[in-house]
Amino acid sequence: MVSIQDARVVQNDWTVRWQNRLLQLPCESSAVVEPGQAVTLCEQRDGTLRVFVGEVELRWSASRRQADASKPQRSGRGPTGSSQGQKPRADHPWRGKLWEASRAS
């Protein structure tokens, strides 16, 4: 059967990334594969995805972390980032006469 095959590396949390998806390998896979080890992902023409270590096929499921990441997270705080570069120029109209007077003294 024709399939697309690509090598991927198992992460420390037992996940493998494939086309913006996280595939979670079960703990039982530790007998066959370890984090940092390469696995082969095969996507068949019908869309079926299979994960192999050598000739051994591994079970996998959609990662919960990926499902949680798809939900928008709001912290309740304002925007983050640097305010550097947001200071108005010395001749900016916002600065006005009171600012210039306080600066002169």
N, C-alpha and C. Protein backbone atom coordinates (compact mmCIF):
# COMPACT_ATOMS: atom_id res chain seq x y z
N MET A 1 0.84 -1.18 0.00
CA MET A 1 0.00 0.00 0.00
C MET A 1 0.88 1.24 0.00
N VAL A 2 0.49 2.26 -0.73
CA VAL A 2 1.24 3.50 -0.83
C VAL A 2 0.93 4.37 0.37
N SER A 3 1.98 4.97 0.95
CA SER A 3 1.78 5.86 2.10
C SER A 3 2.89 6.90 2.14
N ILE A 4 2.61 7.99 2.85
CA ILE A 4 3.62 9.01 3.10
C ILE A 4 4.31 8.62 4.39
N GLN A 5 5.63 8.53 4.37
CA GLN A 5 6.37 8.13 5.55
C GLN A 5 7.35 9.23 5.93
N ASP A 6 7.44 9.48 7.23
CA ASP A 6 8.35 10.52 7.71
C ASP A 6 8.84 10.12 9.10
N ALA A 7 10.08 10.44 9.38
CA ALA A 7 10.67 10.15 10.69
C ALA A 7 10.38 11.30 11.63
N ARG A 8 10.01 10.98 12.86
CA ARG A 8 9.76 11.96 13.91
C ARG A 8 10.44 11.49 15.18
N VAL A 9 10.63 12.42 16.14
CA VAL A 9 11.28 12.10 17.40
C VAL A 9 10.25 12.15 18.52
N VAL A 10 10.29 11.17 19.40
CA VAL A 10 9.40 11.11 20.55
C VAL A 10 9.88 12.15 21.58
N GLN A 11 8.97 13.02 22.01
CA GLN A 11 9.30 14.06 22.98
C GLN A 11 9.29 13.49 24.40
N ASN A 12 9.75 14.27 25.37
CA ASN A 12 9.82 13.82 26.76
C ASN A 12 8.44 13.50 27.35
N ASP A 13 7.39 14.10 26.81
CA ASP A 13 6.04 13.82 27.31
C ASP A 13 5.35 12.72 26.51
N TRP A 14 6.12 11.94 25.78
CA TRP A 14 5.65 10.81 24.99
C TRP A 14 4.69 11.24 23.88
N THR A 15 4.94 12.40 23.29
CA THR A 15 4.15 12.85 22.16
C THR A 15 5.02 12.90 20.92
N VAL A 16 4.35 12.85 19.78
CA VAL A 16 5.00 12.97 18.48
C VAL A 16 4.17 13.98 17.69
N ARG A 17 4.83 14.94 17.05
CA ARG A 17 4.12 15.96 16.28
C ARG A 17 4.03 15.54 14.82
N TRP A 18 2.81 15.69 14.26
CA TRP A 18 2.59 15.38 12.85
C TRP A 18 1.58 16.35 12.29
N GLN A 19 1.99 17.18 11.35
CA GLN A 19 1.13 18.14 10.67
C GLN A 19 0.25 18.93 11.63
N ASN A 20 0.89 19.61 12.56
CA ASN A 20 0.20 20.44 13.56
C ASN A 20 -0.70 19.64 14.49
N ARG A 21 -0.46 18.38 14.64
CA ARG A 21 -1.20 17.53 15.58
C ARG A 21 -0.20 16.91 16.55
N LEU A 22 -0.67 16.64 17.75
CA LEU A 22 0.15 15.92 18.72
C LEU A 22 -0.42 14.52 18.89
N LEU A 23 0.41 13.53 18.70
CA LEU A 23 0.00 12.14 18.88
C LEU A 23 0.58 11.66 20.20
N GLN A 24 -0.26 11.21 21.10
CA GLN A 24 0.17 10.75 22.41
C GLN A 24 0.40 9.25 22.38
N LEU A 25 1.62 8.84 22.72
CA LEU A 25 1.93 7.42 22.81
C LEU A 25 1.64 6.95 24.23
N PRO A 26 1.10 5.75 24.41
CA PRO A 26 0.79 5.26 25.76
C PRO A 26 2.06 4.88 26.52
N CYS A 27 1.94 4.81 27.83
CA CYS A 27 3.08 4.46 28.69
C CYS A 27 3.62 3.06 28.37
N GLU A 28 2.76 2.18 27.90
CA GLU A 28 3.21 0.82 27.58
C GLU A 28 4.24 0.82 26.45
N SER A 29 4.34 1.91 25.72
CA SER A 29 5.31 2.00 24.62
C SER A 29 6.74 2.05 25.13
N SER A 30 6.92 2.29 26.43
CA SER A 30 8.27 2.42 26.98
C SER A 30 9.11 1.16 26.81
N ALA A 31 8.46 0.03 26.60
CA ALA A 31 9.21 -1.21 26.38
C ALA A 31 9.85 -1.21 25.00
N VAL A 32 9.33 -0.39 24.09
CA VAL A 32 9.80 -0.41 22.70
C VAL A 32 10.54 0.86 22.31
N VAL A 33 10.08 2.00 22.84
CA VAL A 33 10.63 3.29 22.43
C VAL A 33 10.82 4.19 23.65
N GLU A 34 11.79 5.09 23.58
CA GLU A 34 12.07 6.02 24.66
C GLU A 34 12.05 7.44 24.12
N PRO A 35 11.84 8.44 24.98
CA PRO A 35 11.92 9.83 24.52
C PRO A 35 13.28 10.10 23.86
N GLY A 36 13.24 10.85 22.78
CA GLY A 36 14.45 11.15 22.02
C GLY A 36 14.72 10.17 20.90
N GLN A 37 14.01 9.07 20.89
CA GLN A 37 14.19 8.05 19.85
C GLN A 37 13.29 8.37 18.65
N ALA A 38 13.76 8.00 17.47
CA ALA A 38 13.00 8.25 16.24
C ALA A 38 11.94 7.17 16.02
N VAL A 39 10.80 7.60 15.49
CA VAL A 39 9.74 6.70 15.06
C VAL A 39 9.39 7.08 13.63
N THR A 40 8.72 6.17 12.94
CA THR A 40 8.28 6.44 11.57
C THR A 40 6.77 6.58 11.56
N LEU A 41 6.30 7.71 11.02
CA LEU A 41 4.86 7.91 10.87
C LEU A 41 4.49 7.62 9.42
N CYS A 42 3.43 6.85 9.24
CA CYS A 42 2.96 6.49 7.91
C CYS A 42 1.52 6.96 7.78
N GLU A 43 1.28 7.86 6.83
CA GLU A 43 -0.09 8.29 6.53
C GLU A 43 -0.51 7.62 5.24
N GLN A 44 -1.51 6.77 5.34
CA GLN A 44 -1.96 6.02 4.18
C GLN A 44 -2.89 6.88 3.33
N ARG A 45 -3.17 6.42 2.13
CA ARG A 45 -4.00 7.19 1.20
C ARG A 45 -5.39 7.47 1.75
N ASP A 46 -5.90 6.60 2.59
CA ASP A 46 -7.24 6.81 3.16
C ASP A 46 -7.22 7.71 4.40
N GLY A 47 -6.03 8.26 4.76
CA GLY A 47 -5.90 9.16 5.90
C GLY A 47 -5.54 8.49 7.20
N THR A 48 -5.47 7.15 7.20
CA THR A 48 -5.10 6.41 8.40
C THR A 48 -3.64 6.72 8.74
N LEU A 49 -3.39 6.98 10.00
CA LEU A 49 -2.05 7.30 10.47
C LEU A 49 -1.55 6.17 11.35
N ARG A 50 -0.34 5.69 11.06
CA ARG A 50 0.25 4.60 11.83
C ARG A 50 1.65 5.02 12.28
N VAL A 51 2.03 4.57 13.48
CA VAL A 51 3.33 4.90 14.06
C VAL A 51 4.11 3.61 14.25
N PHE A 52 5.35 3.60 13.76
CA PHE A 52 6.18 2.40 13.83
C PHE A 52 7.53 2.70 14.46
N VAL A 53 8.04 1.71 15.18
CA VAL A 53 9.44 1.66 15.61
C VAL A 53 9.97 0.39 14.99
N GLY A 54 10.75 0.53 13.94
CA GLY A 54 11.18 -0.64 13.18
C GLY A 54 9.97 -1.30 12.57
N GLU A 55 9.74 -2.57 12.90
CA GLU A 55 8.59 -3.32 12.38
C GLU A 55 7.41 -3.32 13.36
N VAL A 56 7.61 -2.76 14.56
CA VAL A 56 6.58 -2.77 15.59
C VAL A 56 5.68 -1.54 15.45
N GLU A 57 4.37 -1.77 15.36
CA GLU A 57 3.42 -0.66 15.29
C GLU A 57 3.00 -0.26 16.69
N LEU A 58 2.98 1.04 16.96
CA LEU A 58 2.61 1.57 18.27
C LEU A 58 1.20 2.14 18.22
N ARG A 59 0.48 1.97 19.33
CA ARG A 59 -0.82 2.62 19.44
C ARG A 59 -0.60 4.09 19.76
N TRP A 60 -1.56 4.92 19.44
CA TRP A 60 -1.48 6.33 19.77
C TRP A 60 -2.89 6.89 19.89
N SER A 61 -3.00 8.06 20.52
CA SER A 61 -4.28 8.76 20.62
C SER A 61 -4.02 10.25 20.46
N ALA A 62 -5.07 11.00 20.23
CA ALA A 62 -4.93 12.46 20.14
C ALA A 62 -4.52 12.99 21.51
N SER A 63 -3.56 13.87 21.55
CA SER A 63 -3.05 14.40 22.81
C SER A 63 -4.06 15.33 23.46
N ARG A 64 -4.24 15.19 24.77
CA ARG A 64 -5.12 16.10 25.51
C ARG A 64 -4.55 17.50 25.52
N ARG A 65 -3.23 17.60 25.56
CA ARG A 65 -2.58 18.91 25.58
C ARG A 65 -2.95 19.70 24.35
N GLN A 66 -3.08 19.03 23.22
CA GLN A 66 -3.44 19.70 21.98
C GLN A 66 -4.87 20.20 22.06
N ALA A 67 -5.77 19.41 22.62
CA ALA A 67 -7.16 19.83 22.76
C ALA A 67 -7.26 21.04 23.68
N ASP A 68 -6.48 21.06 24.75
CA ASP A 68 -6.49 22.20 25.66
C ASP A 68 -5.90 23.43 25.00
N ALA A 69 -4.90 23.26 24.15
CA ALA A 69 -4.25 24.38 23.49
C ALA A 69 -5.16 25.04 22.47
N SER A 70 -6.15 24.31 21.94
CA SER A 70 -7.02 24.88 20.93
C SER A 70 -8.05 25.83 21.55
N LYS A 71 -8.27 25.74 22.87
CA LYS A 71 -9.20 26.64 23.54
C LYS A 71 -8.50 27.97 23.81
N PRO A 72 -9.17 29.07 23.54
CA PRO A 72 -8.54 30.36 23.83
C PRO A 72 -8.39 30.54 25.34
N GLN A 73 -7.23 31.00 25.74
CA GLN A 73 -6.97 31.20 27.16
C GLN A 73 -6.88 32.69 27.43
N ARG A 74 -7.66 33.16 28.39
CA ARG A 74 -7.64 34.57 28.75
C ARG A 74 -7.13 34.67 30.18
N SER A 75 -6.16 35.51 30.37
CA SER A 75 -5.57 35.64 31.69
C SER A 75 -6.23 36.73 32.52
N GLY A 76 -7.00 37.61 31.88
CA GLY A 76 -7.63 38.69 32.60
C GLY A 76 -6.73 39.90 32.73
N ARG A 77 -5.48 39.76 32.38
CA ARG A 77 -4.55 40.87 32.42
C ARG A 77 -4.54 41.57 31.08
N GLY A 78 -3.99 42.75 31.05
CA GLY A 78 -3.90 43.53 29.82
C GLY A 78 -2.87 42.93 28.87
N PRO A 79 -2.64 43.62 27.78
CA PRO A 79 -1.68 43.11 26.80
C PRO A 79 -0.27 43.06 27.39
N THR A 80 0.48 42.12 26.95
CA THR A 80 1.85 41.99 27.42
C THR A 80 2.79 42.54 26.37
N GLY A 81 3.99 42.72 26.76
CA GLY A 81 4.99 43.18 25.81
C GLY A 81 5.71 44.39 26.37
N SER A 82 6.66 44.84 25.64
CA SER A 82 7.49 45.94 26.05
C SER A 82 6.82 47.26 25.73
N SER A 83 6.97 48.23 26.62
CA SER A 83 6.48 49.57 26.34
C SER A 83 7.60 50.43 25.76
N GLN A 84 8.75 49.85 25.56
CA GLN A 84 9.87 50.57 25.01
C GLN A 84 9.52 51.07 23.62
N GLY A 85 9.85 52.32 23.37
CA GLY A 85 9.55 52.90 22.07
C GLY A 85 8.19 53.54 22.01
N GLN A 86 7.43 53.52 23.11
CA GLN A 86 6.10 54.10 23.13
C GLN A 86 6.09 55.52 23.69
N LYS A 87 7.22 56.02 24.07
CA LYS A 87 7.32 57.34 24.65
C LYS A 87 7.19 58.40 23.55
N PRO A 88 6.30 59.40 23.73
CA PRO A 88 6.15 60.41 22.68
C PRO A 88 7.38 61.30 22.56
N ARG A 89 7.55 61.84 21.36
CA ARG A 89 8.69 62.74 21.10
C ARG A 89 8.58 63.99 21.97
N ALA A 90 9.67 64.71 22.11
CA ALA A 90 9.69 65.92 22.94
C ALA A 90 8.75 66.99 22.40
N ASP A 91 8.54 67.03 21.09
CA ASP A 91 7.66 68.05 20.52
C ASP A 91 6.24 67.54 20.27
N HIS A 92 5.89 66.42 20.83
CA HIS A 92 4.56 65.85 20.65
C HIS A 92 3.52 66.75 21.34
N PRO A 93 2.36 66.99 20.72
CA PRO A 93 1.35 67.87 21.32
C PRO A 93 0.87 67.40 22.69
N TRP A 94 0.93 66.13 22.98
CA TRP A 94 0.50 65.60 24.26
C TRP A 94 1.31 66.19 25.42
N ARG A 95 2.54 66.49 25.15
CA ARG A 95 3.43 66.98 26.21
C ARG A 95 2.99 68.37 26.71
N GLY A 96 2.52 69.22 25.90
CA GLY A 96 1.94 70.51 26.28
C GLY A 96 2.83 71.40 27.14
N LYS A 97 2.27 72.54 27.56
CA LYS A 97 3.02 73.57 28.31
C LYS A 97 3.30 73.15 29.74
N LEU A 98 2.37 72.44 30.41
CA LEU A 98 2.60 72.04 31.79
C LEU A 98 3.78 71.10 31.91
N TRP A 99 3.90 70.20 30.97
CA TRP A 99 5.01 69.24 31.00
C TRP A 99 6.33 69.97 30.80
N GLU A 100 6.35 70.93 29.85
CA GLU A 100 7.57 71.67 29.57
C GLU A 100 7.96 72.52 30.78
N ALA A 101 6.97 73.11 31.46
CA ALA A 101 7.24 73.94 32.64
C ALA A 101 7.82 73.10 33.77
N SER A 102 7.27 71.91 33.99
CA SER A 102 7.77 71.06 35.06
C SER A 102 9.16 70.53 34.74
N ARG A 103 9.42 70.37 33.49
CA ARG A 103 10.73 69.86 33.08
C ARG A 103 11.80 70.94 33.20
N ALA A 104 11.42 72.22 32.98
CA ALA A 104 12.36 73.33 33.03
C ALA A 104 12.81 73.62 34.46
N SER A 105 11.98 73.31 35.45
CA SER A 105 12.39 73.63 36.83
C SER A 105 13.14 72.55 37.50
